[in-house]
Amino acid sequence: MHTWGKSDGPSGIRLSFILSLAGTVIPIALVLLALRPPEQLVPAKFASQSSAQSFQTKINQLQQTPSASPDEVHLSADEISSAFAQSDGSTTESAPVVTLHDDLVTGQFTAKVASQQVYVTVSGHLGAKDGYVTFEPTDFKVGELTVPVALVNPALQKKLQEQREQLKLPAFVGDLRVQNGELVIRPK
């Protein structure tokens, strides 16, 4: 009878060597995947002043009196990315990149992890509950490394809870969602 892991013969040595090699190669491969920049979500470009202005115009429409306010406004990913870039004085090359596809929002940004700059890409469902933005992730990547959502969701939800006040919706917003590749906002 053969016991696995013992090096009492050529097959035991090979198995031990293979396991040892895998224990070394796999972590290195994971680190390399995590540090490798992913494919950009959208072509890098400077924030569009017209898209940022369009974003602000639509938000202003929501703030009007209920009789003058539209039933809902639709914002494109370009409008959202340009508004982010304008709000922090950067370009879309260094700001978070936001894309909308079907009913998902995807954001891509850089973060420092152990003094290394890594790209983080997260996708999920955006919504509203009790006057606050909600986010339920469906996909999470660090560099080119896909991380199971079940591993990151508890930490992500804790972080969102810590920053809850930053996620408070303006008083004039009743609901939001991503639909057909657009952010749809309904007034109260």
C-alpha atoms as a PDB file:
ATOM      1  CA  MET A   1       0.000   0.000   0.000  1.00  0.00           C
ATOM      2  CA  HIS A   2       1.353   3.405  -0.988  1.00  0.00           C
ATOM      3  CA  THR A   3       0.961   6.473   1.222  1.00  0.00           C
ATOM      4  CA  TRP A   4       0.840   9.827  -0.483  1.00  0.00           C
ATOM      5  CA  GLY A   5       3.489  12.363   0.371  1.00  0.00           C
ATOM      6  CA  LYS A   6       6.152   9.898   1.489  1.00  0.00           C
ATOM      7  CA  SER A   7       9.268   9.922  -0.594  1.00  0.00           C
ATOM      8  CA  ASP A   8       9.902   6.191  -0.412  1.00  0.00           C
ATOM      9  CA  GLY A   9      10.293   5.728  -4.128  1.00  0.00           C
ATOM     10  CA  PRO A  10      10.471   7.519  -7.462  1.00  0.00           C
ATOM     11  CA  SER A  11       6.735   8.260  -7.568  1.00  0.00           C
ATOM     12  CA  GLY A  12       6.810   9.651  -4.011  1.00  0.00           C
ATOM     13  CA  ILE A  13       9.708  11.916  -4.911  1.00  0.00           C
ATOM     14  CA  ARG A  14       7.950  13.137  -8.031  1.00  0.00           C
ATOM     15  CA  LEU A  15       4.732  13.877  -6.149  1.00  0.00           C
ATOM     16  CA  SER A  16       6.616  15.687  -3.389  1.00  0.00           C
ATOM     17  CA  PHE A  17       8.576  17.692  -5.968  1.00  0.00           C
ATOM     18  CA  ILE A  18       5.425  18.577  -7.920  1.00  0.00           C
ATOM     19  CA  LEU A  19       3.600  19.709  -4.771  1.00  0.00           C
ATOM     20  CA  SER A  20       6.609  21.746  -3.655  1.00  0.00           C
ATOM     21  CA  LEU A  21       6.964  23.330  -7.076  1.00  0.00           C
ATOM     22  CA  ALA A  22       3.224  24.126  -7.225  1.00  0.00           C
ATOM     23  CA  GLY A  23       3.421  25.662  -3.750  1.00  0.00           C
ATOM     24  CA  THR A  24       6.093  28.025  -5.037  1.00  0.00           C
ATOM     25  CA  VAL A  25       4.858  28.762  -8.566  1.00  0.00           C
ATOM     26  CA  ILE A  26       1.169  29.362  -7.804  1.00  0.00           C
ATOM     27  CA  PRO A  27       1.687  32.225  -5.314  1.00  0.00           C
ATOM     28  CA  ILE A  28       4.174  33.878  -7.673  1.00  0.00           C
ATOM     29  CA  ALA A  29       1.716  33.568 -10.566  1.00  0.00           C
ATOM     30  CA  LEU A  30      -1.075  35.053  -8.420  1.00  0.00           C
ATOM     31  CA  VAL A  31       1.081  38.036  -7.444  1.00  0.00           C
ATOM     32  CA  LEU A  32       2.071  38.620 -11.066  1.00  0.00           C
ATOM     33  CA  LEU A  33      -1.580  38.484 -12.166  1.00  0.00           C
ATOM     34  CA  ALA A  34      -2.545  40.925  -9.419  1.00  0.00           C
ATOM     35  CA  LEU A  35       0.187  43.390 -10.412  1.00  0.00           C
ATOM     36  CA  ARG A  36      -0.456  43.139 -14.146  1.00  0.00           C
ATOM     37  CA  PRO A  37      -2.522  46.083 -15.413  1.00  0.00           C
ATOM     38  CA  PRO A  38      -5.869  44.959 -16.820  1.00  0.00           C
ATOM     39  CA  GLU A  39      -7.298  45.955 -20.149  1.00  0.00           C
ATOM     40  CA  GLN A  40      -8.633  49.486 -19.863  1.00  0.00           C
ATOM     41  CA  LEU A  41     -12.401  49.717 -19.623  1.00  0.00           C
ATOM     42  CA  VAL A  42     -12.560  52.660 -22.000  1.00  0.00           C
ATOM     43  CA  PRO A  43      -9.919  54.375 -24.101  1.00  0.00           C
ATOM     44  CA  ALA A  44      -8.044  56.918 -22.014  1.00  0.00           C
ATOM     45  CA  LYS A  45      -9.107  60.450 -22.872  1.00  0.00           C
ATOM     46  CA  PHE A  46      -9.411  63.781 -21.195  1.00  0.00           C
ATOM     47  CA  ALA A  47     -12.602  64.568 -19.367  1.00  0.00           C
ATOM     48  CA  SER A  48     -15.128  66.147 -21.662  1.00  0.00           C
ATOM     49  CA  GLN A  49     -16.340  69.550 -20.538  1.00  0.00           C
ATOM     50  CA  SER A  50     -19.558  69.092 -22.510  1.00  0.00           C
ATOM     51  CA  SER A  51     -20.261  65.712 -20.855  1.00  0.00           C
ATOM     52  CA  ALA A  52     -19.634  67.181 -17.400  1.00  0.00           C
ATOM     53  CA  GLN A  53     -21.949  70.086 -18.252  1.00  0.00           C
ATOM     54  CA  SER A  54     -24.623  67.686 -19.516  1.00  0.00           C
ATOM     55  CA  PHE A  55     -24.367  65.765 -16.216  1.00  0.00           C
ATOM     56  CA  GLN A  56     -24.857  68.974 -14.221  1.00  0.00           C
ATOM     57  CA  THR A  57     -27.783  70.115 -16.386  1.00  0.00           C
ATOM     58  CA  LYS A  58     -29.598  66.818 -15.848  1.00  0.00           C
ATOM     59  CA  ILE A  59     -28.983  66.907 -12.096  1.00  0.00           C
ATOM     60  CA  ASN A  60     -30.282  70.482 -11.992  1.00  0.00           C
ATOM     61  CA  GLN A  61     -33.462  69.324 -13.770  1.00  0.00           C
ATOM     62  CA  LEU A  62     -34.086  66.817 -10.967  1.00  0.00           C
ATOM     63  CA  GLN A  63     -33.924  69.607  -8.386  1.00  0.00           C
ATOM     64  CA  GLN A  64     -36.786  71.541  -9.943  1.00  0.00           C
ATOM     65  CA  THR A  65     -40.275  71.552  -8.486  1.00  0.00           C
ATOM     66  CA  PRO A  66     -42.100  68.235  -8.896  1.00  0.00           C
ATOM     67  CA  SER A  67     -44.339  69.621 -11.645  1.00  0.00           C
ATOM     68  CA  ALA A  68     -41.343  70.890 -13.665  1.00  0.00           C
ATOM     69  CA  SER A  69     -39.068  67.951 -12.904  1.00  0.00           C
ATOM     70  CA  PRO A  70     -38.777  65.093 -15.440  1.00  0.00           C
ATOM     71  CA  ASP A  71     -40.023  61.621 -14.451  1.00  0.00           C
ATOM     72  CA  GLU A  72     -36.412  60.434 -14.609  1.00  0.00           C
ATOM     73  CA  VAL A  73     -33.065  61.380 -16.100  1.00  0.00           C
ATOM     74  CA  HIS A  74     -30.649  59.112 -17.932  1.00  0.00           C
ATOM     75  CA  LEU A  75     -26.895  59.597 -17.502  1.00  0.00           C
ATOM     76  CA  SER A  76     -24.253  58.026 -19.721  1.00  0.00           C
ATOM     77  CA  ALA A  77     -20.934  56.623 -18.529  1.00  0.00           C
ATOM     78  CA  ASP A  78     -19.139  59.527 -20.279  1.00  0.00           C
ATOM     79  CA  GLU A  79     -21.219  62.050 -18.315  1.00  0.00           C
ATOM     80  CA  ILE A  80     -20.512  60.276 -15.014  1.00  0.00           C
ATOM     81  CA  SER A  81     -16.759  59.835 -15.664  1.00  0.00           C
ATOM     82  CA  SER A  82     -16.423  63.461 -16.771  1.00  0.00           C
ATOM     83  CA  ALA A  83     -18.268  64.666 -13.656  1.00  0.00           C
ATOM     84  CA  PHE A  84     -15.940  62.572 -11.433  1.00  0.00           C
ATOM     85  CA  ALA A  85     -12.879  63.907 -13.227  1.00  0.00           C
ATOM     86  CA  GLN A  86     -14.074  67.508 -13.018  1.00  0.00           C
ATOM     87  CA  SER A  87     -14.981  67.212  -9.329  1.00  0.00           C
ATOM     88  CA  ASP A  88     -11.436  66.226  -8.343  1.00  0.00           C
ATOM     89  CA  GLY A  89      -9.622  68.306 -10.970  1.00  0.00           C
ATOM     90  CA  SER A  90      -8.151  65.330 -12.819  1.00  0.00           C
ATOM     91  CA  THR A  91      -8.638  63.694 -16.186  1.00  0.00           C
ATOM     92  CA  THR A  92     -10.270  60.348 -16.871  1.00  0.00           C
ATOM     93  CA  GLU A  93      -6.734  58.988 -17.220  1.00  0.00           C
ATOM     94  CA  SER A  94      -6.204  59.256 -13.459  1.00  0.00           C
ATOM     95  CA  ALA A  95      -9.781  59.349 -12.152  1.00  0.00           C
ATOM     96  CA  PRO A  96     -11.983  56.302 -11.656  1.00  0.00           C
ATOM     97  CA  VAL A  97     -13.263  55.043 -14.984  1.00  0.00           C
ATOM     98  CA  VAL A  98     -16.945  54.137 -14.978  1.00  0.00           C
ATOM     99  CA  THR A  99     -18.738  52.044 -17.578  1.00  0.00           C
ATOM    100  CA  LEU A 100     -22.362  50.997 -17.712  1.00  0.00           C
ATOM    101  CA  HIS A 101     -23.510  47.863 -19.496  1.00  0.00           C
ATOM    102  CA  ASP A 102     -27.013  46.443 -19.360  1.00  0.00           C
ATOM    103  CA  ASP A 103     -27.850  46.647 -15.633  1.00  0.00           C
ATOM    104  CA  LEU A 104     -24.256  46.700 -14.328  1.00  0.00           C
ATOM    105  CA  VAL A 105     -21.913  49.483 -13.359  1.00  0.00           C
ATOM    106  CA  THR A 106     -18.178  48.806 -13.567  1.00  0.00           C
ATOM    107  CA  GLY A 107     -15.536  50.995 -11.994  1.00  0.00           C
ATOM    108  CA  GLN A 108     -11.795  50.791 -12.494  1.00  0.00           C
ATOM    109  CA  PHE A 109      -9.302  52.667 -10.346  1.00  0.00           C
ATOM    110  CA  THR A 110      -5.807  52.394  -8.956  1.00  0.00           C
ATOM    111  CA  ALA A 111      -4.924  51.702  -5.344  1.00  0.00           C
ATOM    112  CA  LYS A 112      -1.716  51.284  -3.353  1.00  0.00           C
ATOM    113  CA  VAL A 113      -1.302  47.818  -1.872  1.00  0.00           C
ATOM    114  CA  ALA A 114       1.953  47.076  -0.032  1.00  0.00           C
ATOM    115  CA  SER A 115       3.519  50.135  -1.718  1.00  0.00           C
ATOM    116  CA  GLN A 116       2.627  48.761  -5.167  1.00  0.00           C
ATOM    117  CA  GLN A 117       0.153  50.471  -7.468  1.00  0.00           C
ATOM    118  CA  VAL A 118      -2.523  47.995  -8.536  1.00  0.00           C
ATOM    119  CA  TYR A 119      -5.640  48.290 -10.652  1.00  0.00           C
ATOM    120  CA  VAL A 120      -8.931  47.348  -9.068  1.00  0.00           C
ATOM    121  CA  THR A 121     -11.954  46.611 -11.256  1.00  0.00           C
ATOM    122  CA  VAL A 122     -15.326  46.029  -9.636  1.00  0.00           C
ATOM    123  CA  SER A 123     -18.730  45.439 -11.244  1.00  0.00           C
ATOM    124  CA  GLY A 124     -22.136  45.203  -9.660  1.00  0.00           C
ATOM    125  CA  HIS A 125     -25.692  46.391  -9.253  1.00  0.00           C
ATOM    126  CA  LEU A 126     -26.322  49.949  -8.124  1.00  0.00           C
ATOM    127  CA  GLY A 127     -29.479  50.859  -6.263  1.00  0.00           C
ATOM    128  CA  ALA A 128     -31.004  52.938  -3.498  1.00  0.00           C
ATOM    129  CA  LYS A 129     -32.421  52.033  -0.114  1.00  0.00           C
ATOM    130  CA  ASP A 130     -33.595  54.316   2.690  1.00  0.00           C
ATOM    131  CA  GLY A 131     -32.037  57.355   1.003  1.00  0.00           C
ATOM    132  CA  TYR A 132     -28.597  55.818   0.469  1.00  0.00           C
ATOM    133  CA  VAL A 133     -26.782  54.334  -2.527  1.00  0.00           C
ATOM    134  CA  THR A 134     -26.429  50.541  -2.417  1.00  0.00           C
ATOM    135  CA  PHE A 135     -23.932  48.414  -4.307  1.00  0.00           C
ATOM    136  CA  GLU A 136     -23.969  44.633  -4.696  1.00  0.00           C
ATOM    137  CA  PRO A 137     -20.805  43.405  -6.439  1.00  0.00           C
ATOM    138  CA  THR A 138     -20.933  40.734  -9.117  1.00  0.00           C
ATOM    139  CA  ASP A 139     -17.254  40.730 -10.194  1.00  0.00           C
ATOM    140  CA  PHE A 140     -14.011  41.852  -8.544  1.00  0.00           C
ATOM    141  CA  LYS A 141     -10.505  41.910 -10.014  1.00  0.00           C
ATOM    142  CA  VAL A 142      -7.115  43.043  -8.778  1.00  0.00           C
ATOM    143  CA  GLY A 143      -4.985  43.537 -11.865  1.00  0.00           C
ATOM    144  CA  GLU A 144      -5.795  40.520 -14.029  1.00  0.00           C
ATOM    145  CA  LEU A 145      -6.565  38.337 -10.995  1.00  0.00           C
ATOM    146  CA  THR A 146     -10.267  37.581 -10.510  1.00  0.00           C
ATOM    147  CA  VAL A 147     -11.145  37.446  -6.824  1.00  0.00           C
ATOM    148  CA  PRO A 148     -14.287  35.575  -5.739  1.00  0.00           C
ATOM    149  CA  VAL A 149     -16.973  38.079  -4.754  1.00  0.00           C
ATOM    150  CA  ALA A 150     -17.765  36.041  -1.642  1.00  0.00           C
ATOM    151  CA  LEU A 151     -14.259  36.816  -0.355  1.00  0.00           C
ATOM    152  CA  VAL A 152     -14.448  40.585  -0.828  1.00  0.00           C
ATOM    153  CA  ASN A 153     -18.132  41.401  -0.337  1.00  0.00           C
ATOM    154  CA  PRO A 154     -18.095  41.412   3.496  1.00  0.00           C
ATOM    155  CA  ALA A 155     -15.125  43.804   3.570  1.00  0.00           C
ATOM    156  CA  LEU A 156     -16.644  45.932   0.797  1.00  0.00           C
ATOM    157  CA  GLN A 157     -20.006  46.199   2.566  1.00  0.00           C
ATOM    158  CA  LYS A 158     -18.218  47.116   5.817  1.00  0.00           C
ATOM    159  CA  LYS A 159     -16.278  49.853   3.998  1.00  0.00           C
ATOM    160  CA  LEU A 160     -19.489  51.141   2.395  1.00  0.00           C
ATOM    161  CA  GLN A 161     -21.129  51.205   5.839  1.00  0.00           C
ATOM    162  CA  GLU A 162     -18.165  53.182   7.237  1.00  0.00           C
ATOM    163  CA  GLN A 163     -18.609  55.724   4.445  1.00  0.00           C
ATOM    164  CA  ARG A 164     -22.408  55.679   4.620  1.00  0.00           C
ATOM    165  CA  GLU A 165     -22.786  59.456   4.876  1.00  0.00           C
ATOM    166  CA  GLN A 166     -20.868  59.906   1.622  1.00  0.00           C
ATOM    167  CA  LEU A 167     -23.399  57.577  -0.009  1.00  0.00           C
ATOM    168  CA  LYS A 168     -26.405  59.600   1.131  1.00  0.00           C
ATOM    169  CA  LEU A 169     -28.564  60.574  -1.825  1.00  0.00           C
ATOM    170  CA  PRO A 170     -29.524  64.207  -2.291  1.00  0.00           C
ATOM    171  CA  ALA A 171     -32.973  64.993  -0.880  1.00  0.00           C
ATOM    172  CA  PHE A 172     -34.442  65.309  -4.391  1.00  0.00           C
ATOM    173  CA  VAL A 173     -33.409  61.759  -5.493  1.00  0.00           C
ATOM    174  CA  GLY A 174     -35.942  59.004  -4.901  1.00  0.00           C
ATOM    175  CA  ASP A 175     -34.339  56.046  -6.688  1.00  0.00           C
ATOM    176  CA  LEU A 176     -31.486  55.095  -8.976  1.00  0.00           C
ATOM    177  CA  ARG A 177     -30.505  52.067 -11.004  1.00  0.00           C
ATOM    178  CA  VAL A 178     -28.513  51.069 -14.061  1.00  0.00           C
ATOM    179  CA  GLN A 179     -30.714  50.089 -16.973  1.00  0.00           C
ATOM    180  CA  ASN A 180     -29.826  49.544 -20.631  1.00  0.00           C
ATOM    181  CA  GLY A 181     -26.315  50.901 -20.078  1.00  0.00           C
ATOM    182  CA  GLU A 182     -27.446  54.176 -18.466  1.00  0.00           C
ATOM    183  CA  LEU A 183     -27.769  55.431 -14.909  1.00  0.00           C
ATOM    184  CA  VAL A 184     -31.457  56.159 -14.388  1.00  0.00           C
ATOM    185  CA  ILE A 185     -32.355  58.560 -11.568  1.00  0.00           C
ATOM    186  CA  ARG A 186     -35.922  59.222 -10.430  1.00  0.00           C
ATOM    187  CA  PRO A 187     -36.817  62.264  -8.368  1.00  0.00           C
ATOM    188  CA  LYS A 188     -38.822  62.032  -5.134  1.00  0.00           C
END
